[in-house]
PDB file of N, CA and C in Angstrom:
ATOM      1  N   MET A   1       8.367 136.265  13.562  1.00  0.00           N
ATOM      2  CA  MET A   1       7.614 135.778  12.452  1.00  0.00           C
ATOM      3  C   MET A   1       6.295 135.220  12.943  1.00  0.00           C
ATOM      4  N   LYS A   2       5.230 135.588  12.266  1.00  0.00           N
ATOM      5  CA  LYS A   2       3.925 135.104  12.668  1.00  0.00           C
ATOM      6  C   LYS A   2       3.184 134.586  11.444  1.00  0.00           C
ATOM      7  N   ARG A   3       2.689 133.363  11.546  1.00  0.00           N
ATOM      8  CA  ARG A   3       1.905 132.779  10.474  1.00  0.00           C
ATOM      9  C   ARG A   3       0.551 132.433  11.033  1.00  0.00           C
ATOM     10  N   ALA A   4      -0.466 132.595  10.225  1.00  0.00           N
ATOM     11  CA  ALA A   4      -1.826 132.335  10.683  1.00  0.00           C
ATOM     12  C   ALA A   4      -2.118 130.843  10.764  1.00  0.00           C
ATOM     13  N   CYS A   5      -1.653 130.070   9.802  1.00  0.00           N
ATOM     14  CA  CYS A   5      -1.966 128.644   9.811  1.00  0.00           C
ATOM     15  C   CYS A   5      -0.984 127.885   8.934  1.00  0.00           C
ATOM     16  N   LEU A   6      -1.016 126.598   9.094  1.00  0.00           N
ATOM     17  CA  LEU A   6      -0.217 125.702   8.269  1.00  0.00           C
ATOM     18  C   LEU A   6      -1.156 124.827   7.463  1.00  0.00           C
ATOM     19  N   GLY A   7      -0.718 124.440   6.278  1.00  0.00           N
ATOM     20  CA  GLY A   7      -1.449 123.438   5.526  1.00  0.00           C
ATOM     21  C   GLY A   7      -1.163 122.071   6.133  1.00  0.00           C
ATOM     22  N   GLU A   8      -1.953 121.084   5.732  1.00  0.00           N
ATOM     23  CA  GLU A   8      -1.789 119.742   6.283  1.00  0.00           C
ATOM     24  C   GLU A   8      -0.382 119.200   6.032  1.00  0.00           C
ATOM     25  N   LEU A   9       0.104 119.340   4.802  1.00  0.00           N
ATOM     26  CA  LEU A   9       1.429 118.801   4.485  1.00  0.00           C
ATOM     27  C   LEU A   9       2.522 119.521   5.272  1.00  0.00           C
ATOM     28  N   GLU A  10       2.423 120.836   5.394  1.00  0.00           N
ATOM     29  CA  GLU A  10       3.413 121.577   6.168  1.00  0.00           C
ATOM     30  C   GLU A  10       3.430 121.106   7.617  1.00  0.00           C
ATOM     31  N   GLU A  11       2.247 120.903   8.177  1.00  0.00           N
ATOM     32  CA  GLU A  11       2.149 120.429   9.559  1.00  0.00           C
ATOM     33  C   GLU A  11       2.790 119.046   9.697  1.00  0.00           C
ATOM     34  N   VAL A  12       2.480 118.150   8.764  1.00  0.00           N
ATOM     35  CA  VAL A  12       3.026 116.787   8.812  1.00  0.00           C
ATOM     36  C   VAL A  12       4.553 116.816   8.672  1.00  0.00           C
ATOM     37  N   VAL A  13       5.058 117.632   7.776  1.00  0.00           N
ATOM     38  CA  VAL A  13       6.510 117.711   7.575  1.00  0.00           C
ATOM     39  C   VAL A  13       7.184 118.265   8.828  1.00  0.00           C
ATOM     40  N   LEU A  14       6.621 119.322   9.405  1.00  0.00           N
ATOM     41  CA  LEU A  14       7.210 119.874  10.636  1.00  0.00           C
ATOM     42  C   LEU A  14       7.216 118.845  11.760  1.00  0.00           C
ATOM     43  N   LEU A  15       6.103 118.144  11.931  1.00  0.00           N
ATOM     44  CA  LEU A  15       6.038 117.122  12.984  1.00  0.00           C
ATOM     45  C   LEU A  15       7.028 115.983  12.719  1.00  0.00           C
ATOM     46  N   THR A  16       7.190 115.613  11.462  1.00  0.00           N
ATOM     47  CA  THR A  16       8.137 114.555  11.120  1.00  0.00           C
ATOM     48  C   THR A  16       9.567 114.994  11.413  1.00  0.00           C
ATOM     49  N   VAL A  17       9.892 116.231  11.105  1.00  0.00           N
ATOM     50  CA  VAL A  17      11.219 116.759  11.448  1.00  0.00           C
ATOM     51  C   VAL A  17      11.428 116.704  12.961  1.00  0.00           C
ATOM     52  N   ALA A  18      10.395 117.067  13.704  1.00  0.00           N
ATOM     53  CA  ALA A  18      10.496 117.032  15.177  1.00  0.00           C
ATOM     54  C   ALA A  18      10.719 115.608  15.672  1.00  0.00           C
ATOM     55  N   VAL A  19      10.057 114.658  15.074  1.00  0.00           N
ATOM     56  CA  VAL A  19      10.169 113.260  15.506  1.00  0.00           C
ATOM     57  C   VAL A  19      11.534 112.676  15.143  1.00  0.00           C
ATOM     58  N   LEU A  20      12.013 112.953  13.939  1.00  0.00           N
ATOM     59  CA  LEU A  20      13.271 112.364  13.474  1.00  0.00           C
ATOM     60  C   LEU A  20      14.511 113.002  14.100  1.00  0.00           C
ATOM     61  N   GLN A  21      14.381 114.234  14.557  1.00  0.00           N
ATOM     62  CA  GLN A  21      15.473 114.968  15.203  1.00  0.00           C
ATOM     63  C   GLN A  21      16.744 114.980  14.351  1.00  0.00           C
ATOM     64  N   GLU A  22      17.832 114.379  14.813  1.00  0.00           N
ATOM     65  CA  GLU A  22      19.115 114.460  14.092  1.00  0.00           C
ATOM     66  C   GLU A  22      19.117 113.668  12.786  1.00  0.00           C
ATOM     67  N   SER A  23      18.093 112.870  12.547  1.00  0.00           N
ATOM     68  CA  SER A  23      18.030 112.061  11.321  1.00  0.00           C
ATOM     69  C   SER A  23      17.057 112.650  10.299  1.00  0.00           C
ATOM     70  N   ALA A  24      16.712 113.917  10.454  1.00  0.00           N
ATOM     71  CA  ALA A  24      15.708 114.535   9.576  1.00  0.00           C
ATOM     72  C   ALA A  24      16.357 115.114   8.328  1.00  0.00           C
ATOM     73  N   TYR A  25      16.488 114.320   7.286  1.00  0.00           N
ATOM     74  CA  TYR A  25      16.901 114.801   5.971  1.00  0.00           C
ATOM     75  C   TYR A  25      15.806 114.404   4.992  1.00  0.00           C
ATOM     76  N   CYS A  26      15.816 114.978   3.808  1.00  0.00           N
ATOM     77  CA  CYS A  26      14.665 114.875   2.908  1.00  0.00           C
ATOM     78  C   CYS A  26      14.218 113.427   2.665  1.00  0.00           C
ATOM     79  N   ALA A  27      15.158 112.535   2.387  1.00  0.00           N
ATOM     80  CA  ALA A  27      14.779 111.141   2.095  1.00  0.00           C
ATOM     81  C   ALA A  27      14.150 110.472   3.316  1.00  0.00           C
ATOM     82  N   SER A  28      14.713 110.689   4.506  1.00  0.00           N
ATOM     83  CA  SER A  28      14.152 110.049   5.708  1.00  0.00           C
ATOM     84  C   SER A  28      12.792 110.639   6.045  1.00  0.00           C
ATOM     85  N   ILE A  29      12.610 111.929   5.813  1.00  0.00           N
ATOM     86  CA  ILE A  29      11.311 112.567   6.062  1.00  0.00           C
ATOM     87  C   ILE A  29      10.267 111.990   5.104  1.00  0.00           C
ATOM     88  N   THR A  30      10.634 111.866   3.816  1.00  0.00           N
ATOM     89  CA  THR A  30       9.714 111.311   2.817  1.00  0.00           C
ATOM     90  C   THR A  30       9.336 109.877   3.180  1.00  0.00           C
ATOM     91  N   GLN A  31      10.327 109.086   3.550  1.00  0.00           N
ATOM     92  CA  GLN A  31      10.080 107.684   3.898  1.00  0.00           C
ATOM     93  C   GLN A  31       9.192 107.571   5.141  1.00  0.00           C
ATOM     94  N   THR A  32       9.430 108.398   6.137  1.00  0.00           N
ATOM     95  CA  THR A  32       8.634 108.354   7.364  1.00  0.00           C
ATOM     96  C   THR A  32       7.193 108.753   7.087  1.00  0.00           C
ATOM     97  N   ILE A  33       7.000 109.781   6.283  1.00  0.00           N
ATOM     98  CA  ILE A  33       5.630 110.199   5.949  1.00  0.00           C
ATOM     99  C   ILE A  33       4.927 109.085   5.179  1.00  0.00           C
ATOM    100  N   ASP A  34       5.620 108.459   4.232  1.00  0.00           N
ATOM    101  CA  ASP A  34       5.035 107.328   3.489  1.00  0.00           C
ATOM    102  C   ASP A  34       4.589 106.220   4.436  1.00  0.00           C
ATOM    103  N   GLN A  35       5.420 105.929   5.432  1.00  0.00           N
ATOM    104  CA  GLN A  35       5.108 104.849   6.369  1.00  0.00           C
ATOM    105  C   GLN A  35       3.976 105.233   7.326  1.00  0.00           C
ATOM    106  N   GLN A  36       3.934 106.486   7.748  1.00  0.00           N
ATOM    107  CA  GLN A  36       2.956 106.911   8.752  1.00  0.00           C
ATOM    108  C   GLN A  36       1.587 107.225   8.156  1.00  0.00           C
ATOM    109  N   MET A  37       1.582 107.715   6.918  1.00  0.00           N
ATOM    110  CA  MET A  37       0.325 108.055   6.272  1.00  0.00           C
ATOM    111  C   MET A  37       0.002 106.955   5.265  1.00  0.00           C
ATOM    112  N   ALA A  38      -1.218 106.731   5.015  1.00  0.00           N
ATOM    113  CA  ALA A  38      -1.607 105.674   4.087  1.00  0.00           C
ATOM    114  C   ALA A  38      -1.611 106.188   2.652  1.00  0.00           C
ATOM    115  N   ARG A  39      -0.597 106.952   2.289  1.00  0.00           N
ATOM    116  CA  ARG A  39      -0.491 107.433   0.921  1.00  0.00           C
ATOM    117  C   ARG A  39       0.966 107.722   0.602  1.00  0.00           C
ATOM    118  N   SER A  40       1.257 107.699  -0.661  1.00  0.00           N
ATOM    119  CA  SER A  40       2.619 107.972  -1.089  1.00  0.00           C
ATOM    120  C   SER A  40       2.793 109.467  -1.326  1.00  0.00           C
ATOM    121  N   ILE A  41       3.945 109.956  -0.965  1.00  0.00           N
ATOM    122  CA  ILE A  41       4.263 111.360  -1.195  1.00  0.00           C
ATOM    123  C   ILE A  41       5.604 111.395  -1.909  1.00  0.00           C
ATOM    124  N   SER A  42       5.729 112.279  -2.873  1.00  0.00           N
ATOM    125  CA  SER A  42       6.953 112.296  -3.678  1.00  0.00           C
ATOM    126  C   SER A  42       8.063 113.071  -2.978  1.00  0.00           C
ATOM    127  N   PHE A  43       9.273 112.662  -3.294  1.00  0.00           N
ATOM    128  CA  PHE A  43      10.457 113.329  -2.767  1.00  0.00           C
ATOM    129  C   PHE A  43      10.467 114.814  -3.138  1.00  0.00           C
ATOM    130  N   PRO A  44      10.187 115.183  -4.419  1.00  0.00           N
ATOM    131  CA  PRO A  44      10.185 116.611  -4.760  1.00  0.00           C
ATOM    132  C   PRO A  44       9.138 117.421  -3.990  1.00  0.00           C
ATOM    133  N   THR A  45       8.000 116.811  -3.685  1.00  0.00           N
ATOM    134  CA  THR A  45       6.969 117.521  -2.915  1.00  0.00           C
ATOM    135  C   THR A  45       7.477 117.831  -1.514  1.00  0.00           C
ATOM    136  N   VAL A  46       8.109 116.852  -0.892  1.00  0.00           N
ATOM    137  CA  VAL A  46       8.666 117.071   0.449  1.00  0.00           C
ATOM    138  C   VAL A  46       9.791 118.092   0.385  1.00  0.00           C
ATOM    139  N   HIS A  47      10.637 117.981  -0.634  1.00  0.00           N
ATOM    140  CA  HIS A  47      11.757 118.916  -0.793  1.00  0.00           C
ATOM    141  C   HIS A  47      11.244 120.355  -0.915  1.00  0.00           C
ATOM    142  N   THR A  48      10.239 120.560  -1.749  1.00  0.00           N
ATOM    143  CA  THR A  48       9.661 121.902  -1.928  1.00  0.00           C
ATOM    144  C   THR A  48       9.057 122.410  -0.624  1.00  0.00           C
ATOM    145  N   THR A  49       8.363 121.543   0.088  1.00  0.00           N
ATOM    146  CA  THR A  49       7.754 121.939   1.363  1.00  0.00           C
ATOM    147  C   THR A  49       8.830 122.319   2.380  1.00  0.00           C
ATOM    148  N   LEU A  50       9.905 121.545   2.417  1.00  0.00           N
ATOM    149  CA  LEU A  50      11.011 121.868   3.326  1.00  0.00           C
ATOM    150  C   LEU A  50      11.607 123.238   3.001  1.00  0.00           C
ATOM    151  N   GLN A  51      11.770 123.513   1.709  1.00  0.00           N
ATOM    152  CA  GLN A  51      12.313 124.826   1.303  1.00  0.00           C
ATOM    153  C   GLN A  51      11.374 125.959   1.714  1.00  0.00           C
ATOM    154  N   GLN A  52      10.060 125.742   1.541  1.00  0.00           N
ATOM    155  CA  GLN A  52       9.089 126.774   1.916  1.00  0.00           C
ATOM    156  C   GLN A  52       9.111 127.012   3.421  1.00  0.00           C
ATOM    157  N   LEU A  53       9.192 125.934   4.181  1.00  0.00           N
ATOM    158  CA  LEU A  53       9.228 126.072   5.639  1.00  0.00           C
ATOM    159  C   LEU A  53      10.513 126.770   6.087  1.00  0.00           C
ATOM    160  N   GLN A  54      11.594 126.499   5.371  1.00  0.00           N
ATOM    161  CA  GLN A  54      12.856 127.162   5.694  1.00  0.00           C
ATOM    162  C   GLN A  54      12.770 128.657   5.373  1.00  0.00           C
ATOM    163  N   LYS A  55      12.183 129.014   4.238  1.00  0.00           N
ATOM    164  CA  LYS A  55      12.013 130.422   3.875  1.00  0.00           C
ATOM    165  C   LYS A  55      11.120 131.140   4.878  1.00  0.00           C
ATOM    166  N   SER A  56      10.178 130.409   5.466  1.00  0.00           N
ATOM    167  CA  SER A  56       9.267 130.989   6.451  1.00  0.00           C
ATOM    168  C   SER A  56       9.902 131.119   7.828  1.00  0.00           C
ATOM    169  N   GLY A  57      11.119 130.627   7.971  1.00  0.00           N
ATOM    170  CA  GLY A  57      11.801 130.737   9.249  1.00  0.00           C
ATOM    171  C   GLY A  57      11.436 129.654  10.250  1.00  0.00           C
ATOM    172  N   LEU A  58      10.797 128.585   9.770  1.00  0.00           N
ATOM    173  CA  LEU A  58      10.399 127.506  10.679  1.00  0.00           C
ATOM    174  C   LEU A  58      11.426 126.374  10.730  1.00  0.00           C
ATOM    175  N   LEU A  59      12.328 126.325   9.755  1.00  0.00           N
ATOM    176  CA  LEU A  59      13.369 125.294   9.734  1.00  0.00           C
ATOM    177  C   LEU A  59      14.705 125.933   9.391  1.00  0.00           C
ATOM    178  N   PHE A  60      15.771 125.322   9.851  1.00  0.00           N
ATOM    179  CA  PHE A  60      17.080 125.633   9.307  1.00  0.00           C
ATOM    180  C   PHE A  60      17.741 124.315   8.957  1.00  0.00           C
ATOM    181  N   SER A  61      18.748 124.383   8.069  1.00  0.00           N
ATOM    182  CA  SER A  61      19.255 123.127   7.523  1.00  0.00           C
ATOM    183  C   SER A  61      20.766 123.145   7.363  1.00  0.00           C
ATOM    184  N   PRO A  62      21.476 122.866   8.424  1.00  0.00           N
ATOM    185  CA  PRO A  62      22.925 122.743   8.301  1.00  0.00           C
ATOM    186  C   PRO A  62      23.297 121.443   7.592  1.00  0.00           C
ATOM    187  N   MET A  63      24.488 121.402   6.998  1.00  0.00           N
ATOM    188  CA  MET A  63      24.980 120.171   6.371  1.00  0.00           C
ATOM    189  C   MET A  63      25.612 119.305   7.452  1.00  0.00           C
ATOM    190  N   SER A  64      25.361 118.005   7.352  1.00  0.00           N
ATOM    191  CA  SER A  64      25.978 117.070   8.296  1.00  0.00           C
ATOM    192  C   SER A  64      27.347 116.675   7.775  1.00  0.00           C
ATOM    193  N   GLY A  65      28.112 116.030   8.621  1.00  0.00           N
ATOM    194  CA  GLY A  65      29.367 115.454   8.173  1.00  0.00           C
ATOM    195  C   GLY A  65      29.087 114.151   7.441  1.00  0.00           C
ATOM    196  N   ALA A  66      30.024 113.696   6.637  1.00  0.00           N
ATOM    197  CA  ALA A  66      29.865 112.435   5.919  1.00  0.00           C
ATOM    198  C   ALA A  66      30.062 111.278   6.886  1.00  0.00           C
ATOM    199  N   THR A  67      29.130 110.344   6.906  1.00  0.00           N
ATOM    200  CA  THR A  67      29.250 109.167   7.767  1.00  0.00           C
ATOM    201  C   THR A  67      29.037 107.910   6.938  1.00  0.00           C
ATOM    202  N   ALA A  68      29.485 106.796   7.465  1.00  0.00           N
ATOM    203  CA  ALA A  68      29.302 105.518   6.771  1.00  0.00           C
ATOM    204  C   ALA A  68      27.814 105.189   6.647  1.00  0.00           C
ATOM    205  N   GLN A  69      27.009 105.558   7.678  1.00  0.00           N
ATOM    206  CA  GLN A  69      25.564 105.291   7.633  1.00  0.00           C
ATOM    207  C   GLN A  69      24.890 106.043   6.490  1.00  0.00           C
ATOM    208  N   GLN A  70      25.479 107.144   6.098  1.00  0.00           N
ATOM    209  CA  GLN A  70      24.897 107.955   5.022  1.00  0.00           C
ATOM    210  C   GLN A  70      25.609 107.695   3.700  1.00  0.00           C
ATOM    211  N   GLY A  71      26.284 106.572   3.605  1.00  0.00           N
ATOM    212  CA  GLY A  71      26.980 106.219   2.381  1.00  0.00           C
ATOM    213  C   GLY A  71      28.192 107.095   2.123  1.00  0.00           C
ATOM    214  N   GLY A  72      28.777 107.650   3.180  1.00  0.00           N
ATOM    215  CA  GLY A  72      29.952 108.490   3.038  1.00  0.00           C
ATOM    216  C   GLY A  72      29.651 109.862   2.462  1.00  0.00           C
ATOM    217  N   ARG A  73      28.393 110.253   2.466  1.00  0.00           N
ATOM    218  CA  ARG A  73      28.012 111.540   1.887  1.00  0.00           C
ATOM    219  C   ARG A  73      27.442 112.462   2.963  1.00  0.00           C
ATOM    220  N   GLN A  74      27.571 113.741   2.709  1.00  0.00           N
ATOM    221  CA  GLN A  74      26.957 114.728   3.594  1.00  0.00           C
ATOM    222  C   GLN A  74      25.449 114.779   3.323  1.00  0.00           C
ATOM    223  N   LYS A  75      24.701 115.142   4.343  1.00  0.00           N
ATOM    224  CA  LYS A  75      23.245 115.301   4.209  1.00  0.00           C
ATOM    225  C   LYS A  75      22.861 116.679   4.707  1.00  0.00           C
ATOM    226  N   ARG A  76      21.827 117.236   4.070  1.00  0.00           N
ATOM    227  CA  ARG A  76      21.261 118.478   4.579  1.00  0.00           C
ATOM    228  C   ARG A  76      20.221 118.098   5.631  1.00  0.00           C
ATOM    229  N   LEU A  77      20.555 118.345   6.870  1.00  0.00           N
ATOM    230  CA  LEU A  77      19.662 117.987   7.979  1.00  0.00           C
ATOM    231  C   LEU A  77      18.741 119.152   8.294  1.00  0.00           C
ATOM    232  N   PHE A  78      17.498 118.839   8.621  1.00  0.00           N
ATOM    233  CA  PHE A  78      16.516 119.875   8.932  1.00  0.00           C
ATOM    234  C   PHE A  78      16.219 119.859  10.423  1.00  0.00           C
ATOM    235  N   THR A  79      16.170 121.052  10.980  1.00  0.00           N
ATOM    236  CA  THR A  79      15.939 121.226  12.408  1.00  0.00           C
ATOM    237  C   THR A  79      14.885 122.309  12.606  1.00  0.00           C
ATOM    238  N   LEU A  80      14.022 122.090  13.603  1.00  0.00           N
ATOM    239  CA  LEU A  80      13.007 123.106  13.911  1.00  0.00           C
ATOM    240  C   LEU A  80      13.676 124.328  14.522  1.00  0.00           C
ATOM    241  N   THR A  81      13.228 125.506  14.114  1.00  0.00           N
ATOM    242  CA  THR A  81      13.664 126.725  14.782  1.00  0.00           C
ATOM    243  C   THR A  81      12.818 126.916  16.043  1.00  0.00           C
ATOM    244  N   THR A  82      13.225 127.847  16.858  1.00  0.00           N
ATOM    245  CA  THR A  82      12.430 128.148  18.048  1.00  0.00           C
ATOM    246  C   THR A  82      11.027 128.611  17.640  1.00  0.00           C
ATOM    247  N   ALA A  83      10.950 129.374  16.554  1.00  0.00           N
ATOM    248  CA  ALA A  83       9.640 129.833  16.060  1.00  0.00           C
ATOM    249  C   ALA A  83       8.760 128.640  15.689  1.00  0.00           C
ATOM    250  N   ALA A  84       9.340 127.615  15.075  1.00  0.00           N
ATOM    251  CA  ALA A  84       8.570 126.428  14.702  1.00  0.00           C
ATOM    252  C   ALA A  84       8.086 125.675  15.938  1.00  0.00           C
ATOM    253  N   GLN A  85       8.953 125.570  16.946  1.00  0.00           N
ATOM    254  CA  GLN A  85       8.543 124.886  18.175  1.00  0.00           C
ATOM    255  C   GLN A  85       7.373 125.616  18.819  1.00  0.00           C
ATOM    256  N   ARG A  86       7.480 126.946  18.878  1.00  0.00           N
ATOM    257  CA  ARG A  86       6.369 127.732  19.447  1.00  0.00           C
ATOM    258  C   ARG A  86       5.105 127.581  18.602  1.00  0.00           C
ATOM    259  N   PHE A  87       5.306 127.604  17.283  1.00  0.00           N
ATOM    260  CA  PHE A  87       4.167 127.494  16.378  1.00  0.00           C
ATOM    261  C   PHE A  87       3.440 126.169  16.578  1.00  0.00           C
ATOM    262  N   LEU A  88       4.182 125.063  16.670  1.00  0.00           N
ATOM    263  CA  LEU A  88       3.550 123.756  16.851  1.00  0.00           C
ATOM    264  C   LEU A  88       2.810 123.669  18.184  1.00  0.00           C
ATOM    265  N   ILE A  89       3.382 124.261  19.212  1.00  0.00           N
ATOM    266  CA  ILE A  89       2.709 124.269  20.519  1.00  0.00           C
ATOM    267  C   ILE A  89       1.388 125.042  20.422  1.00  0.00           C
ATOM    268  N   GLU A  90       1.446 126.220  19.810  1.00  0.00           N
ATOM    269  CA  GLU A  90       0.222 127.015  19.649  1.00  0.00           C
ATOM    270  C   GLU A  90      -0.782 126.294  18.757  1.00  0.00           C
ATOM    271  N   TYR A  91      -0.285 125.639  17.712  1.00  0.00           N
ATOM    272  CA  TYR A  91      -1.144 124.917  16.783  1.00  0.00           C
ATOM    273  C   TYR A  91      -1.881 123.791  17.494  1.00  0.00           C
ATOM    274  N   ARG A  92      -1.169 123.098  18.369  1.00  0.00           N
ATOM    275  CA  ARG A  92      -1.801 122.004  19.114  1.00  0.00           C
ATOM    276  C   ARG A  92      -2.822 122.540  20.105  1.00  0.00           C
ATOM    277  N   ARG A  93      -2.478 123.650  20.737  1.00  0.00           N
ATOM    278  CA  ARG A  93      -3.432 124.248  21.684  1.00  0.00           C
ATOM    279  C   ARG A  93      -4.712 124.675  20.988  1.00  0.00           C
ATOM    280  N   ALA A  94      -4.587 125.148  19.769  1.00  0.00           N
ATOM    281  CA  ALA A  94      -5.778 125.572  19.031  1.00  0.00           C
ATOM    282  C   ALA A  94      -6.613 124.362  18.626  1.00  0.00           C
ATOM    283  N   ASP A  95      -6.039 123.196  18.746  1.00  0.00           N
ATOM    284  CA  ASP A  95      -6.688 121.931  18.399  1.00  0.00           C
ATOM    285  C   ASP A  95      -7.370 122.016  17.037  1.00  0.00           C
ATOM    286  N   VAL A  96      -6.551 122.158  16.031  1.00  0.00           N
ATOM    287  CA  VAL A  96      -7.024 122.290  14.662  1.00  0.00           C
ATOM    288  C   VAL A  96      -7.830 121.072  14.235  1.00  0.00           C
ATOM    289  N   ARG A  97      -7.437 119.896  14.751  1.00  0.00           N
ATOM    290  CA  ARG A  97      -8.178 118.692  14.385  1.00  0.00           C
ATOM    291  C   ARG A  97      -9.626 118.778  14.848  1.00  0.00           C
ATOM    292  N   GLN A  98      -9.828 119.339  16.040  1.00  0.00           N
ATOM    293  CA  GLN A  98     -11.185 119.480  16.560  1.00  0.00           C
ATOM    294  C   GLN A  98     -11.977 120.483  15.720  1.00  0.00           C
ATOM    295  N   ILE A  99     -11.319 121.543  15.319  1.00  0.00           N
ATOM    296  CA  ILE A  99     -11.979 122.538  14.473  1.00  0.00           C
ATOM    297  C   ILE A  99     -12.369 121.904  13.139  1.00  0.00           C
ATOM    298  N   ARG A 100     -11.432 121.122  12.555  1.00  0.00           N
ATOM    299  CA  ARG A 100     -11.743 120.452  11.292  1.00  0.00           C
ATOM    300  C   ARG A 100     -12.899 119.471  11.463  1.00  0.00           C
ATOM    301  N   ALA A 101     -12.887 118.692  12.535  1.00  0.00           N
ATOM    302  CA  ALA A 101     -13.946 117.714  12.775  1.00  0.00           C
ATOM    303  C   ALA A 101     -15.289 118.416  12.935  1.00  0.00           C
ATOM    304  N   HIS A 102     -15.275 119.558  13.620  1.00  0.00           N
ATOM    305  CA  HIS A 102     -16.518 120.306  13.799  1.00  0.00           C
ATOM    306  C   HIS A 102     -17.058 120.772  12.446  1.00  0.00           C
ATOM    307  N   LEU A 103     -16.161 121.241  11.583  1.00  0.00           N
ATOM    308  CA  LEU A 103     -16.611 121.691  10.264  1.00  0.00           C
ATOM    309  C   LEU A 103     -17.141 120.528   9.425  1.00  0.00           C
ATOM    310  N   TRP A 104     -16.456 119.373   9.504  1.00  0.00           N
ATOM    311  CA  TRP A 104     -16.895 118.215   8.718  1.00  0.00           C
ATOM    312  C   TRP A 104     -18.203 117.641   9.233  1.00  0.00           C
ATOM    313  N   ASP A 105     -18.379 117.610  10.548  1.00  0.00           N
ATOM    314  CA  ASP A 105     -19.538 116.938  11.131  1.00  0.00           C
ATOM    315  C   ASP A 105     -20.643 117.892  11.563  1.00  0.00           C
ATOM    316  N   GLY A 106     -20.385 119.177  11.566  1.00  0.00           N
ATOM    317  CA  GLY A 106     -21.353 120.151  12.053  1.00  0.00           C
ATOM    318  C   GLY A 106     -22.424 120.497  11.040  1.00  0.00           C
ATOM    319  N   PRO A 107     -23.334 121.357  11.435  1.00  0.00           N
ATOM    320  CA  PRO A 107     -24.450 121.725  10.560  1.00  0.00           C
ATOM    321  C   PRO A 107     -24.019 122.482   9.306  1.00  0.00           C
ATOM    322  N   ALA A 108     -22.857 123.122   9.343  1.00  0.00           N
ATOM    323  CA  ALA A 108     -22.409 123.897   8.185  1.00  0.00           C
ATOM    324  C   ALA A 108     -22.183 123.010   6.962  1.00  0.00           C
ATOM    325  N   ILE A 109     -21.843 121.742   7.188  1.00  0.00           N
ATOM    326  CA  ILE A 109     -21.578 120.849   6.053  1.00  0.00           C
ATOM    327  C   ILE A 109     -22.837 120.652   5.209  1.00  0.00           C
ATOM    328  N   ARG A 110     -24.005 120.813   5.821  1.00  0.00           N
ATOM    329  CA  ARG A 110     -25.261 120.642   5.080  1.00  0.00           C
ATOM    330  C   ARG A 110     -25.512 121.788   4.104  1.00  0.00           C
ATOM    331  N   GLN A 111     -24.755 122.855   4.250  1.00  0.00           N
ATOM    332  CA  GLN A 111     -24.921 124.000   3.354  1.00  0.00           C
ATOM    333  C   GLN A 111     -24.148 123.828   2.054  1.00  0.00           C
ATOM    334  N   ILE A 112     -23.334 122.799   1.996  1.00  0.00           N
ATOM    335  CA  ILE A 112     -22.586 122.533   0.767  1.00  0.00           C
ATOM    336  C   ILE A 112     -23.551 121.998  -0.275  1.00  0.00           C
ATOM    337  N   SER A 113     -23.358 122.410  -1.495  1.00  0.00           N
ATOM    338  CA  SER A 113     -24.312 122.042  -2.541  1.00  0.00           C
ATOM    339  C   SER A 113     -24.401 120.526  -2.707  1.00  0.00           C
ATOM    340  N   THR A 114     -25.561 120.087  -3.107  1.00  0.00           N
ATOM    341  CA  THR A 114     -25.805 118.666  -3.317  1.00  0.00           C
ATOM    342  C   THR A 114     -24.861 118.112  -4.382  1.00  0.00           C
ATOM    343  N   GLN A 115     -24.560 118.923  -5.380  1.00  0.00           N
ATOM    344  CA  GLN A 115     -23.663 118.477  -6.447  1.00  0.00           C
ATOM    345  C   GLN A 115     -22.290 118.111  -5.888  1.00  0.00           C
ATOM    346  N   VAL A 116     -21.761 118.923  -4.979  1.00  0.00           N
ATOM    347  CA  VAL A 116     -20.451 118.645  -4.380  1.00  0.00           C
ATOM    348  C   VAL A 116     -20.536 117.401  -3.495  1.00  0.00           C
ATOM    349  N   LEU A 117     -21.599 117.299  -2.716  1.00  0.00           N
ATOM    350  CA  LEU A 117     -21.757 116.125  -1.848  1.00  0.00           C
ATOM    351  C   LEU A 117     -21.821 114.839  -2.662  1.00  0.00           C
ATOM    352  N   LEU A 118     -22.477 114.882  -3.797  1.00  0.00           N
ATOM    353  CA  LEU A 118     -22.546 113.697  -4.663  1.00  0.00           C
ATOM    354  C   LEU A 118     -21.165 113.327  -5.197  1.00  0.00           C
ATOM    355  N   LEU A 119     -20.362 114.326  -5.516  1.00  0.00           N
ATOM    356  CA  LEU A 119     -18.997 114.050  -5.980  1.00  0.00           C
ATOM    357  C   LEU A 119     -18.166 113.408  -4.882  1.00  0.00           C
ATOM    358  N   TRP A 120     -18.350 113.849  -3.622  1.00  0.00           N
ATOM    359  CA  TRP A 120     -17.599 113.273  -2.503  1.00  0.00           C
ATOM    360  C   TRP A 120     -17.957 111.807  -2.301  1.00  0.00           C
ATOM    361  N   GLU A 121     -19.221 111.485  -2.528  1.00  0.00           N
ATOM    362  CA  GLU A 121     -19.669 110.112  -2.288  1.00  0.00           C
ATOM    363  C   GLU A 121     -19.315 109.181  -3.434  1.00  0.00           C
ATOM    364  N   ALA A 122     -18.975 109.736  -4.594  1.00  0.00           N
ATOM    365  CA  ALA A 122     -18.657 108.902  -5.775  1.00  0.00           C
ATOM    366  C   ALA A 122     -17.336 108.181  -5.598  1.00  0.00           C
TER     367      ALA A 122
END
């Protein structure tokens, strides 16, 4: 499977799954993103993103056993596939943040219409 790029939310969700490891279920992923980013993200948005990443072959989601820590209920745990691990490594090597910073701070930004720039500053 080969994908050209990830959106910001997809990247954040994949990285959060990688960080949480065995504790990566939808509620914990949503809570971690809320804590790490200075904005709130809804549970359904994370759930939809997880499903899309799973359909893309970047995640798989076995059911966990019921534990007291989980209120005696099973959880759908999310785990990175090998393709996702490779993808994140390649994504980091491409240094997407540097590319984004170059676009935001480079001369190309001056080509954006004045009307749009005024909206950004409002």
